[in-house]
PDB file of all heavy atoms in Angstrom:
ATOM      1  N   LEU A   1      78.153 -65.779  44.611  1.00  0.00           N
ATOM      2  CA  LEU A   1      77.208 -64.702  44.851  1.00  0.00           C
ATOM      3  C   LEU A   1      77.805 -63.697  45.825  1.00  0.00           C
ATOM      4  O   LEU A   1      77.684 -62.493  45.649  1.00  0.00           O
ATOM      5  CB  LEU A   1      75.889 -65.205  45.356  1.00  0.00           C
ATOM      6  CG  LEU A   1      74.815 -64.162  45.640  1.00  0.00           C
ATOM      7  CD1 LEU A   1      74.313 -63.594  44.330  1.00  0.00           C
ATOM      8  CD2 LEU A   1      73.681 -64.736  46.439  1.00  0.00           C
ATOM      9  N   MET A   2      78.414 -64.194  46.897  1.00  0.00           N
ATOM     10  CA  MET A   2      78.957 -63.345  47.937  1.00  0.00           C
ATOM     11  C   MET A   2      79.942 -62.338  47.369  1.00  0.00           C
ATOM     12  O   MET A   2      79.868 -61.146  47.639  1.00  0.00           O
ATOM     13  CB  MET A   2      79.611 -64.196  49.031  1.00  0.00           C
ATOM     14  CG  MET A   2      79.953 -63.436  50.255  1.00  0.00           C
ATOM     15  SD  MET A   2      78.460 -63.136  51.210  1.00  0.00           S
ATOM     16  CE  MET A   2      78.870 -64.049  52.657  1.00  0.00           C
ATOM     17  N   LEU A   3      80.873 -62.809  46.559  1.00  0.00           N
ATOM     18  CA  LEU A   3      81.909 -61.918  46.030  1.00  0.00           C
ATOM     19  C   LEU A   3      81.316 -60.921  45.040  1.00  0.00           C
ATOM     20  O   LEU A   3      81.600 -59.733  45.092  1.00  0.00           O
ATOM     21  CB  LEU A   3      82.987 -62.740  45.342  1.00  0.00           C
ATOM     22  CG  LEU A   3      83.769 -63.663  46.275  1.00  0.00           C
ATOM     23  CD1 LEU A   3      84.740 -64.519  45.473  1.00  0.00           C
ATOM     24  CD2 LEU A   3      84.506 -62.862  47.337  1.00  0.00           C
ATOM     25  N   TRP A   4      80.458 -61.406  44.149  1.00  0.00           N
ATOM     26  CA  TRP A   4      79.875 -60.536  43.148  1.00  0.00           C
ATOM     27  C   TRP A   4      78.924 -59.513  43.763  1.00  0.00           C
ATOM     28  O   TRP A   4      79.028 -58.322  43.521  1.00  0.00           O
ATOM     29  CB  TRP A   4      79.172 -61.420  42.127  1.00  0.00           C
ATOM     30  CG  TRP A   4      78.374 -60.669  41.093  1.00  0.00           C
ATOM     31  CD1 TRP A   4      78.896 -59.906  40.079  1.00  0.00           C
ATOM     32  CD2 TRP A   4      76.982 -60.593  40.966  1.00  0.00           C
ATOM     33  NE1 TRP A   4      77.871 -59.377  39.335  1.00  0.00           N
ATOM     34  CE2 TRP A   4      76.694 -59.791  39.839  1.00  0.00           C
ATOM     35  CE3 TRP A   4      75.923 -61.153  41.685  1.00  0.00           C
ATOM     36  CZ2 TRP A   4      75.411 -59.517  39.431  1.00  0.00           C
ATOM     37  CZ3 TRP A   4      74.645 -60.886  41.268  1.00  0.00           C
ATOM     38  CH2 TRP A   4      74.385 -60.081  40.153  1.00  0.00           C
ATOM     39  N   LEU A   5      78.011 -60.001  44.609  1.00  0.00           N
ATOM     40  CA  LEU A   5      76.991 -59.147  45.177  1.00  0.00           C
ATOM     41  C   LEU A   5      77.573 -58.181  46.207  1.00  0.00           C
ATOM     42  O   LEU A   5      77.124 -57.041  46.319  1.00  0.00           O
ATOM     43  CB  LEU A   5      75.883 -59.991  45.803  1.00  0.00           C
ATOM     44  CG  LEU A   5      74.519 -59.371  45.940  1.00  0.00           C
ATOM     45  CD1 LEU A   5      74.027 -58.765  44.640  1.00  0.00           C
ATOM     46  CD2 LEU A   5      73.528 -60.386  46.442  1.00  0.00           C
ATOM     47  N   ALA A   6      78.628 -58.590  46.920  1.00  0.00           N
ATOM     48  CA  ALA A   6      79.262 -57.719  47.897  1.00  0.00           C
ATOM     49  C   ALA A   6      79.771 -56.460  47.223  1.00  0.00           C
ATOM     50  O   ALA A   6      79.598 -55.348  47.744  1.00  0.00           O
ATOM     51  CB  ALA A   6      80.372 -58.437  48.624  1.00  0.00           C
ATOM     52  N   ASN A   7      80.352 -56.620  46.058  1.00  0.00           N
ATOM     53  CA  ASN A   7      80.860 -55.445  45.325  1.00  0.00           C
ATOM     54  C   ASN A   7      79.738 -54.522  44.897  1.00  0.00           C
ATOM     55  O   ASN A   7      79.833 -53.301  45.034  1.00  0.00           O
ATOM     56  CB  ASN A   7      81.623 -55.901  44.067  1.00  0.00           C
ATOM     57  CG  ASN A   7      82.977 -56.469  44.415  1.00  0.00           C
ATOM     58  OD1 ASN A   7      83.614 -56.054  45.377  1.00  0.00           O
ATOM     59  ND2 ASN A   7      83.396 -57.466  43.643  1.00  0.00           N
ATOM     60  N   ILE A   8      78.666 -55.086  44.376  1.00  0.00           N
ATOM     61  CA  ILE A   8      77.541 -54.271  43.951  1.00  0.00           C
ATOM     62  C   ILE A   8      76.902 -53.538  45.110  1.00  0.00           C
ATOM     63  O   ILE A   8      76.657 -52.297  45.056  1.00  0.00           O
ATOM     64  CB  ILE A   8      76.516 -55.117  43.209  1.00  0.00           C
ATOM     65  CG1 ILE A   8      77.087 -55.604  41.897  1.00  0.00           C
ATOM     66  CG2 ILE A   8      75.222 -54.363  42.964  1.00  0.00           C
ATOM     67  CD1 ILE A   8      76.292 -56.646  41.211  1.00  0.00           C
ATOM     68  N   LEU A   9      76.660 -54.253  46.197  1.00  0.00           N
ATOM     69  CA  LEU A   9      76.013 -53.642  47.351  1.00  0.00           C
ATOM     70  C   LEU A   9      76.892 -52.577  48.002  1.00  0.00           C
ATOM     71  O   LEU A   9      76.397 -51.535  48.428  1.00  0.00           O
ATOM     72  CB  LEU A   9      75.640 -54.696  48.371  1.00  0.00           C
ATOM     73  CG  LEU A   9      74.541 -55.649  47.920  1.00  0.00           C
ATOM     74  CD1 LEU A   9      74.301 -56.704  48.985  1.00  0.00           C
ATOM     75  CD2 LEU A   9      73.259 -54.912  47.596  1.00  0.00           C
ATOM     76  N   ALA A  10      78.177 -52.823  48.046  1.00  0.00           N
ATOM     77  CA  ALA A  10      79.070 -51.826  48.625  1.00  0.00           C
ATOM     78  C   ALA A  10      79.041 -50.539  47.779  1.00  0.00           C
ATOM     79  O   ALA A  10      79.086 -49.423  48.310  1.00  0.00           O
ATOM     80  CB  ALA A  10      80.492 -52.380  48.728  1.00  0.00           C
ATOM     81  N   ALA A  11      78.963 -50.692  46.471  1.00  0.00           N
ATOM     82  CA  ALA A  11      78.948 -49.528  45.590  1.00  0.00           C
ATOM     83  C   ALA A  11      77.637 -48.753  45.662  1.00  0.00           C
ATOM     84  O   ALA A  11      77.656 -47.522  45.632  1.00  0.00           O
ATOM     85  CB  ALA A  11      79.233 -49.973  44.150  1.00  0.00           C
ATOM     86  N   HIS A  12      76.534 -49.433  45.747  1.00  0.00           N
ATOM     87  CA  HIS A  12      75.231 -48.782  45.654  1.00  0.00           C
ATOM     88  C   HIS A  12      74.524 -48.604  46.992  1.00  0.00           C
ATOM     89  O   HIS A  12      73.546 -47.831  47.074  1.00  0.00           O
ATOM     90  CB  HIS A  12      74.302 -49.548  44.684  1.00  0.00           C
ATOM     91  CG  HIS A  12      74.817 -49.546  43.285  1.00  0.00           C
ATOM     92  ND1 HIS A  12      74.780 -48.460  42.477  1.00  0.00           N
ATOM     93  CD2 HIS A  12      75.359 -50.546  42.554  1.00  0.00           C
ATOM     94  CE1 HIS A  12      75.306 -48.741  41.293  1.00  0.00           C
ATOM     95  NE2 HIS A  12      75.674 -50.030  41.326  1.00  0.00           N
ATOM     96  N   GLU A  13      74.930 -49.341  48.000  1.00  0.00           N
ATOM     97  CA  GLU A  13      74.325 -49.276  49.324  1.00  0.00           C
ATOM     98  C   GLU A  13      72.785 -49.387  49.272  1.00  0.00           C
ATOM     99  O   GLU A  13      72.070 -48.533  49.766  1.00  0.00           O
ATOM    100  CB  GLU A  13      74.774 -48.011  50.054  1.00  0.00           C
ATOM    101  CG  GLU A  13      76.265 -47.971  50.321  1.00  0.00           C
ATOM    102  CD  GLU A  13      76.727 -46.733  51.085  1.00  0.00           C
ATOM    103  OE1 GLU A  13      75.875 -45.867  51.389  1.00  0.00           O
ATOM    104  OE2 GLU A  13      77.904 -46.662  51.356  1.00  0.00           O
ATOM    105  N   LYS A  14      72.350 -50.430  48.629  1.00  0.00           N
ATOM    106  CA  LYS A  14      70.886 -50.634  48.476  1.00  0.00           C
ATOM    107  C   LYS A  14      70.461 -51.993  49.027  1.00  0.00           C
ATOM    108  O   LYS A  14      69.575 -52.666  48.490  1.00  0.00           O
ATOM    109  CB  LYS A  14      70.528 -50.563  46.978  1.00  0.00           C
ATOM    110  CG  LYS A  14      70.799 -49.250  46.294  1.00  0.00           C
ATOM    111  CD  LYS A  14      69.787 -48.227  46.675  1.00  0.00           C
ATOM    112  CE  LYS A  14      69.995 -46.979  45.841  1.00  0.00           C
ATOM    113  NZ  LYS A  14      69.593 -45.790  46.534  1.00  0.00           N
ATOM    114  N   ASN A  15      71.074 -52.431  50.134  1.00  0.00           N
ATOM    115  CA  ASN A  15      70.741 -53.725  50.715  1.00  0.00           C
ATOM    116  C   ASN A  15      69.261 -53.899  50.975  1.00  0.00           C
ATOM    117  O   ASN A  15      68.672 -54.929  50.598  1.00  0.00           O
ATOM    118  CB  ASN A  15      71.471 -53.913  52.045  1.00  0.00           C
ATOM    119  CG  ASN A  15      72.915 -54.148  51.903  1.00  0.00           C
ATOM    120  OD1 ASN A  15      73.601 -53.360  51.269  1.00  0.00           O
ATOM    121  ND2 ASN A  15      73.414 -55.214  52.520  1.00  0.00           N
ATOM    122  N   THR A  16      68.659 -52.939  51.665  1.00  0.00           N
ATOM    123  CA  THR A  16      67.268 -53.067  52.061  1.00  0.00           C
ATOM    124  C   THR A  16      66.354 -53.208  50.869  1.00  0.00           C
ATOM    125  O   THR A  16      65.471 -54.064  50.799  1.00  0.00           O
ATOM    126  CB  THR A  16      66.873 -51.860  52.921  1.00  0.00           C
ATOM    127  OG1 THR A  16      67.775 -51.753  54.020  1.00  0.00           O
ATOM    128  CG2 THR A  16      65.441 -52.008  53.453  1.00  0.00           C
ATOM    129  N   GLN A  17      66.588 -52.344  49.869  1.00  0.00           N
ATOM    130  CA  GLN A  17      65.748 -52.374  48.677  1.00  0.00           C
ATOM    131  C   GLN A  17      65.971 -53.681  47.899  1.00  0.00           C
ATOM    132  O   GLN A  17      65.013 -54.276  47.386  1.00  0.00           O
ATOM    133  CB  GLN A  17      66.024 -51.155  47.779  1.00  0.00           C
ATOM    134  CG  GLN A  17      65.669 -49.835  48.432  1.00  0.00           C
ATOM    135  CD  GLN A  17      66.800 -49.237  49.274  1.00  0.00           C
ATOM    136  OE1 GLN A  17      67.758 -49.914  49.639  1.00  0.00           O
ATOM    137  NE2 GLN A  17      66.655 -47.965  49.582  1.00  0.00           N
ATOM    138  N   CYS A  18      67.226 -54.104  47.775  1.00  0.00           N
ATOM    139  CA  CYS A  18      67.523 -55.365  47.069  1.00  0.00           C
ATOM    140  C   CYS A  18      66.882 -56.554  47.794  1.00  0.00           C
ATOM    141  O   CYS A  18      66.356 -57.451  47.148  1.00  0.00           O
ATOM    142  CB  CYS A  18      69.030 -55.589  46.926  1.00  0.00           C
ATOM    143  SG  CYS A  18      69.801 -54.452  45.763  1.00  0.00           S
ATOM    144  N   LEU A  19      66.957 -56.525  49.101  1.00  0.00           N
ATOM    145  CA  LEU A  19      66.325 -57.579  49.888  1.00  0.00           C
ATOM    146  C   LEU A  19      64.825 -57.677  49.573  1.00  0.00           C
ATOM    147  O   LEU A  19      64.299 -58.761  49.377  1.00  0.00           O
ATOM    148  CB  LEU A  19      66.574 -57.366  51.395  1.00  0.00           C
ATOM    149  CG  LEU A  19      65.954 -58.366  52.354  1.00  0.00           C
ATOM    150  CD1 LEU A  19      66.507 -59.771  52.116  1.00  0.00           C
ATOM    151  CD2 LEU A  19      66.200 -57.949  53.799  1.00  0.00           C
ATOM    152  N   GLN A  20      64.198 -56.539  49.494  1.00  0.00           N
ATOM    153  CA  GLN A  20      62.751 -56.532  49.175  1.00  0.00           C
ATOM    154  C   GLN A  20      62.540 -57.036  47.735  1.00  0.00           C
ATOM    155  O   GLN A  20      61.634 -57.835  47.507  1.00  0.00           O
ATOM    156  CB  GLN A  20      62.167 -55.136  49.322  1.00  0.00           C
ATOM    157  CG  GLN A  20      60.673 -55.116  49.176  1.00  0.00           C
ATOM    158  CD  GLN A  20      60.050 -53.782  49.531  1.00  0.00           C
ATOM    159  OE1 GLN A  20      60.732 -52.776  49.658  1.00  0.00           O
ATOM    160  NE2 GLN A  20      58.747 -53.782  49.664  1.00  0.00           N
ATOM    161  N   ALA A  21      63.347 -56.640  46.786  1.00  0.00           N
ATOM    162  CA  ALA A  21      63.186 -57.099  45.407  1.00  0.00           C
ATOM    163  C   ALA A  21      63.355 -58.623  45.305  1.00  0.00           C
ATOM    164  O   ALA A  21      62.564 -59.292  44.640  1.00  0.00           O
ATOM    165  CB  ALA A  21      64.210 -56.412  44.500  1.00  0.00           C
ATOM    166  N   TYR A  22      64.332 -59.163  46.028  1.00  0.00           N
ATOM    167  CA  TYR A  22      64.543 -60.592  45.966  1.00  0.00           C
ATOM    168  C   TYR A  22      63.497 -61.365  46.793  1.00  0.00           C
ATOM    169  O   TYR A  22      63.229 -62.532  46.506  1.00  0.00           O
ATOM    170  CB  TYR A  22      65.975 -60.978  46.390  1.00  0.00           C
ATOM    171  CG  TYR A  22      66.911 -60.750  45.229  1.00  0.00           C
ATOM    172  CD1 TYR A  22      67.566 -59.531  45.058  1.00  0.00           C
ATOM    173  CD2 TYR A  22      67.174 -61.731  44.315  1.00  0.00           C
ATOM    174  CE1 TYR A  22      68.419 -59.294  44.011  1.00  0.00           C
ATOM    175  CE2 TYR A  22      68.027 -61.542  43.231  1.00  0.00           C
ATOM    176  CZ  TYR A  22      68.641 -60.316  43.104  1.00  0.00           C
ATOM    177  OH  TYR A  22      69.496 -60.085  42.027  1.00  0.00           O
ATOM    178  N   THR A  23      62.904 -60.712  47.765  1.00  0.00           N
ATOM    179  CA  THR A  23      61.776 -61.323  48.494  1.00  0.00           C
ATOM    180  C   THR A  23      60.598 -61.439  47.518  1.00  0.00           C
ATOM    181  O   THR A  23      59.895 -62.456  47.499  1.00  0.00           O
ATOM    182  CB  THR A  23      61.404 -60.494  49.705  1.00  0.00           C
ATOM    183  OG1 THR A  23      62.536 -60.444  50.590  1.00  0.00           O
ATOM    184  CG2 THR A  23      60.214 -61.105  50.455  1.00  0.00           C
ATOM    185  N   TYR A  24      60.405 -60.430  46.667  1.00  0.00           N
ATOM    186  CA  TYR A  24      59.377 -60.515  45.651  1.00  0.00           C
ATOM    187  C   TYR A  24      59.698 -61.601  44.654  1.00  0.00           C
ATOM    188  O   TYR A  24      58.810 -62.295  44.147  1.00  0.00           O
ATOM    189  CB  TYR A  24      59.201 -59.157  44.930  1.00  0.00           C
ATOM    190  CG  TYR A  24      58.508 -58.110  45.740  1.00  0.00           C
ATOM    191  CD1 TYR A  24      59.016 -56.808  45.797  1.00  0.00           C
ATOM    192  CD2 TYR A  24      57.347 -58.376  46.443  1.00  0.00           C
ATOM    193  CE1 TYR A  24      58.408 -55.817  46.532  1.00  0.00           C
ATOM    194  CE2 TYR A  24      56.707 -57.387  47.197  1.00  0.00           C
ATOM    195  CZ  TYR A  24      57.259 -56.111  47.239  1.00  0.00           C
ATOM    196  OH  TYR A  24      56.624 -55.130  47.966  1.00  0.00           O
ATOM    197  N   LEU A  25      60.964 -61.779  44.316  1.00  0.00           N
ATOM    198  CA  LEU A  25      61.349 -62.866  43.406  1.00  0.00           C
ATOM    199  C   LEU A  25      61.011 -64.209  44.049  1.00  0.00           C
ATOM    200  O   LEU A  25      60.454 -65.088  43.382  1.00  0.00           O
ATOM    201  CB  LEU A  25      62.839 -62.805  43.054  1.00  0.00           C
ATOM    202  CG  LEU A  25      63.348 -63.954  42.156  1.00  0.00           C
ATOM    203  CD1 LEU A  25      62.647 -63.905  40.818  1.00  0.00           C
ATOM    204  CD2 LEU A  25      64.843 -63.855  41.992  1.00  0.00           C
ATOM    205  N   GLN A  26      61.341 -64.364  45.310  1.00  0.00           N
ATOM    206  CA  GLN A  26      61.021 -65.619  45.994  1.00  0.00           C
ATOM    207  C   GLN A  26      59.486 -65.871  45.959  1.00  0.00           C
ATOM    208  O   GLN A  26      59.048 -67.001  45.681  1.00  0.00           O
ATOM    209  CB  GLN A  26      61.524 -65.584  47.428  1.00  0.00           C
ATOM    210  CG  GLN A  26      61.306 -66.875  48.187  1.00  0.00           C
ATOM    211  CD  GLN A  26      61.876 -66.815  49.585  1.00  0.00           C
ATOM    212  OE1 GLN A  26      61.739 -65.814  50.270  1.00  0.00           O
ATOM    213  NE2 GLN A  26      62.518 -67.898  50.004  1.00  0.00           N
ATOM    214  N   GLU A  27      58.690 -64.846  46.256  1.00  0.00           N
ATOM    215  CA  GLU A  27      57.248 -64.970  46.177  1.00  0.00           C
ATOM    216  C   GLU A  27      56.763 -65.386  44.794  1.00  0.00           C
ATOM    217  O   GLU A  27      55.918 -66.250  44.627  1.00  0.00           O
ATOM    218  CB  GLU A  27      56.573 -63.659  46.552  1.00  0.00           C
ATOM    219  CG  GLU A  27      56.642 -63.301  48.006  1.00  0.00           C
ATOM    220  CD  GLU A  27      56.069 -61.893  48.282  1.00  0.00           C
ATOM    221  OE1 GLU A  27      55.439 -61.296  47.393  1.00  0.00           O
ATOM    222  OE2 GLU A  27      56.264 -61.410  49.411  1.00  0.00           O
ATOM    223  N   THR A  28      57.362 -64.746  43.785  1.00  0.00           N
ATOM    224  CA  THR A  28      56.992 -65.080  42.382  1.00  0.00           C
ATOM    225  C   THR A  28      57.333 -66.507  42.039  1.00  0.00           C
ATOM    226  O   THR A  28      56.543 -67.207  41.410  1.00  0.00           O
ATOM    227  CB  THR A  28      57.699 -64.094  41.416  1.00  0.00           C
ATOM    228  OG1 THR A  28      57.309 -62.755  41.789  1.00  0.00           O
ATOM    229  CG2 THR A  28      57.325 -64.329  39.994  1.00  0.00           C
ATOM    230  N   LEU A  29      58.511 -66.963  42.457  1.00  0.00           N
ATOM    231  CA  LEU A  29      58.897 -68.360  42.217  1.00  0.00           C
ATOM    232  C   LEU A  29      57.899 -69.300  42.869  1.00  0.00           C
ATOM    233  O   LEU A  29      57.470 -70.284  42.257  1.00  0.00           O
ATOM    234  CB  LEU A  29      60.316 -68.614  42.725  1.00  0.00           C
ATOM    235  CG  LEU A  29      61.468 -67.878  42.022  1.00  0.00           C
ATOM    236  CD1 LEU A  29      62.776 -68.151  42.773  1.00  0.00           C
ATOM    237  CD2 LEU A  29      61.567 -68.286  40.566  1.00  0.00           C
ATOM    238  N   GLN A  30      57.536 -68.983  44.112  1.00  0.00           N
ATOM    239  CA  GLN A  30      56.598 -69.839  44.830  1.00  0.00           C
ATOM    240  C   GLN A  30      55.233 -69.900  44.144  1.00  0.00           C
ATOM    241  O   GLN A  30      54.556 -70.914  44.174  1.00  0.00           O
ATOM    242  CB  GLN A  30      56.496 -69.404  46.286  1.00  0.00           C
ATOM    243  CG  GLN A  30      57.760 -69.702  47.065  1.00  0.00           C
ATOM    244  CD  GLN A  30      57.754 -69.045  48.456  1.00  0.00           C
ATOM    245  OE1 GLN A  30      56.948 -68.194  48.758  1.00  0.00           O
ATOM    246  NE2 GLN A  30      58.726 -69.451  49.265  1.00  0.00           N
ATOM    247  N   GLU A  31      54.828 -68.775  43.588  1.00  0.00           N
ATOM    248  CA  GLU A  31      53.531 -68.688  42.926  1.00  0.00           C
ATOM    249  C   GLU A  31      53.544 -69.398  41.556  1.00  0.00           C
ATOM    250  O   GLU A  31      52.539 -69.996  41.147  1.00  0.00           O
ATOM    251  CB  GLU A  31      53.131 -67.226  42.707  1.00  0.00           C
ATOM    252  CG  GLU A  31      52.837 -66.443  43.968  1.00  0.00           C
ATOM    253  CD  GLU A  31      52.782 -64.944  43.732  1.00  0.00           C
ATOM    254  OE1 GLU A  31      52.955 -64.481  42.588  1.00  0.00           O
ATOM    255  OE2 GLU A  31      52.603 -64.229  44.739  1.00  0.00           O
ATOM    256  N   GLN A  32      54.653 -69.292  40.843  1.00  0.00           N
ATOM    257  CA  GLN A  32      54.675 -69.704  39.427  1.00  0.00           C
ATOM    258  C   GLN A  32      55.317 -71.069  39.150  1.00  0.00           C
ATOM    259  O   GLN A  32      55.098 -71.618  38.083  1.00  0.00           O
ATOM    260  CB  GLN A  32      55.443 -68.658  38.612  1.00  0.00           C
ATOM    261  CG  GLN A  32      54.808 -67.271  38.649  1.00  0.00           C
ATOM    262  CD  GLN A  32      53.432 -67.245  38.012  1.00  0.00           C
ATOM    263  OE1 GLN A  32      53.207 -67.885  37.007  1.00  0.00           O
ATOM    264  NE2 GLN A  32      52.495 -66.545  38.656  1.00  0.00           N
ATOM    265  N   LEU A  33      56.132 -71.591  40.074  1.00  0.00           N
ATOM    266  CA  LEU A  33      56.845 -72.832  39.805  1.00  0.00           C
ATOM    267  C   LEU A  33      56.254 -73.976  40.594  1.00  0.00           C
ATOM    268  O   LEU A  33      55.703 -73.782  41.675  1.00  0.00           O
ATOM    269  CB  LEU A  33      58.323 -72.671  40.140  1.00  0.00           C
ATOM    270  CG  LEU A  33      59.108 -71.620  39.349  1.00  0.00           C
ATOM    271  CD1 LEU A  33      60.568 -71.616  39.812  1.00  0.00           C
ATOM    272  CD2 LEU A  33      59.022 -71.860  37.867  1.00  0.00           C
ATOM    273  N   PRO A  34      56.409 -75.201  40.103  1.00  0.00           N
ATOM    274  CA  PRO A  34      55.953 -76.363  40.862  1.00  0.00           C
ATOM    275  C   PRO A  34      56.700 -76.475  42.203  1.00  0.00           C
ATOM    276  O   PRO A  34      57.812 -76.003  42.347  1.00  0.00           O
ATOM    277  CB  PRO A  34      56.334 -77.558  39.951  1.00  0.00           C
ATOM    278  CG  PRO A  34      56.554 -76.982  38.620  1.00  0.00           C
ATOM    279  CD  PRO A  34      56.991 -75.557  38.799  1.00  0.00           C
ATOM    280  N   SER A  35      56.032 -77.141  43.165  1.00  0.00           N
ATOM    281  CA  SER A  35      56.628 -77.228  44.519  1.00  0.00           C
ATOM    282  C   SER A  35      57.972 -77.955  44.510  1.00  0.00           C
ATOM    283  O   SER A  35      58.853 -77.588  45.284  1.00  0.00           O
ATOM    284  CB  SER A  35      55.650 -77.918  45.472  1.00  0.00           C
ATOM    285  OG  SER A  35      55.403 -79.235  45.043  1.00  0.00           O
ATOM    286  N   VAL A  36      58.167 -78.931  43.624  1.00  0.00           N
ATOM    287  CA  VAL A  36      59.473 -79.613  43.538  1.00  0.00           C
ATOM    288  C   VAL A  36      60.579 -78.614  43.203  1.00  0.00           C
ATOM    289  O   VAL A  36      61.647 -78.617  43.827  1.00  0.00           O
ATOM    290  CB  VAL A  36      59.439 -80.754  42.487  1.00  0.00           C
ATOM    291  CG1 VAL A  36      60.805 -81.321  42.245  1.00  0.00           C
ATOM    292  CG2 VAL A  36      58.478 -81.834  42.925  1.00  0.00           C
ATOM    293  N   CYS A  37      60.311 -77.747  42.276  1.00  0.00           N
ATOM    294  CA  CYS A  37      61.300 -76.709  41.899  1.00  0.00           C
ATOM    295  C   CYS A  37      61.579 -75.795  43.077  1.00  0.00           C
ATOM    296  O   CYS A  37      62.739 -75.479  43.367  1.00  0.00           O
ATOM    297  CB  CYS A  37      60.772 -75.873  40.725  1.00  0.00           C
ATOM    298  SG  CYS A  37      60.600 -76.802  39.190  1.00  0.00           S
ATOM    299  N   ASN A  38      60.521 -75.379  43.763  1.00  0.00           N
ATOM    300  CA  ASN A  38      60.723 -74.464  44.895  1.00  0.00           C
ATOM    301  C   ASN A  38      61.481 -75.133  46.034  1.00  0.00           C
ATOM    302  O   ASN A  38      62.278 -74.470  46.717  1.00  0.00           O
ATOM    303  CB  ASN A  38      59.368 -73.937  45.386  1.00  0.00           C
ATOM    304  CG  ASN A  38      58.886 -72.808  44.521  1.00  0.00           C
ATOM    305  OD1 ASN A  38      59.600 -71.819  44.331  1.00  0.00           O
ATOM    306  ND2 ASN A  38      57.696 -72.920  43.953  1.00  0.00           N
ATOM    307  N   GLN A  39      61.268 -76.406  46.252  1.00  0.00           N
ATOM    308  CA  GLN A  39      62.019 -77.121  47.303  1.00  0.00           C
ATOM    309  C   GLN A  39      63.508 -77.126  46.976  1.00  0.00           C
ATOM    310  O   GLN A  39      64.342 -76.927  47.839  1.00  0.00           O
ATOM    311  CB  GLN A  39      61.518 -78.565  47.459  1.00  0.00           C
ATOM    312  CG  GLN A  39      60.159 -78.650  48.111  1.00  0.00           C
ATOM    313  CD  GLN A  39      59.589 -80.083  48.060  1.00  0.00           C
ATOM    314  OE1 GLN A  39      60.106 -80.931  47.370  1.00  0.00           O
ATOM    315  NE2 GLN A  39      58.521 -80.295  48.792  1.00  0.00           N
ATOM    316  N   LEU A  40      63.823 -77.342  45.709  1.00  0.00           N
ATOM    317  CA  LEU A  40      65.222 -77.347  45.288  1.00  0.00           C
ATOM    318  C   LEU A  40      65.839 -75.964  45.342  1.00  0.00           C
ATOM    319  O   LEU A  40      67.018 -75.794  45.593  1.00  0.00           O
ATOM    320  CB  LEU A  40      65.364 -77.957  43.876  1.00  0.00           C
ATOM    321  CG  LEU A  40      65.076 -79.451  43.772  1.00  0.00           C
ATOM    322  CD1 LEU A  40      64.956 -79.867  42.311  1.00  0.00           C
ATOM    323  CD2 LEU A  40      66.160 -80.248  44.489  1.00  0.00           C
ATOM    324  N   LEU A  41      65.041 -74.950  45.039  1.00  0.00           N
ATOM    325  CA  LEU A  41      65.527 -73.571  44.984  1.00  0.00           C
ATOM    326  C   LEU A  41      65.620 -72.919  46.354  1.00  0.00           C
ATOM    327  O   LEU A  41      66.363 -71.955  46.531  1.00  0.00           O
ATOM    328  CB  LEU A  41      64.636 -72.720  44.072  1.00  0.00           C
ATOM    329  CG  LEU A  41      64.699 -73.065  42.599  1.00  0.00           C
ATOM    330  CD1 LEU A  41      63.602 -72.339  41.833  1.00  0.00           C
ATOM    331  CD2 LEU A  41      66.084 -72.747  42.040  1.00  0.00           C
TER     332      LEU A  41
END
């Protein structure tokens, strides 16, 4: 992830917005998946 995402973020400079999008993904996972899945993720 570090190598792949570093290239994308350097090109688009959207860290803050991406962080918010992935925070929403984390919230969605917590809402939609069983707790065992969330513990592993």
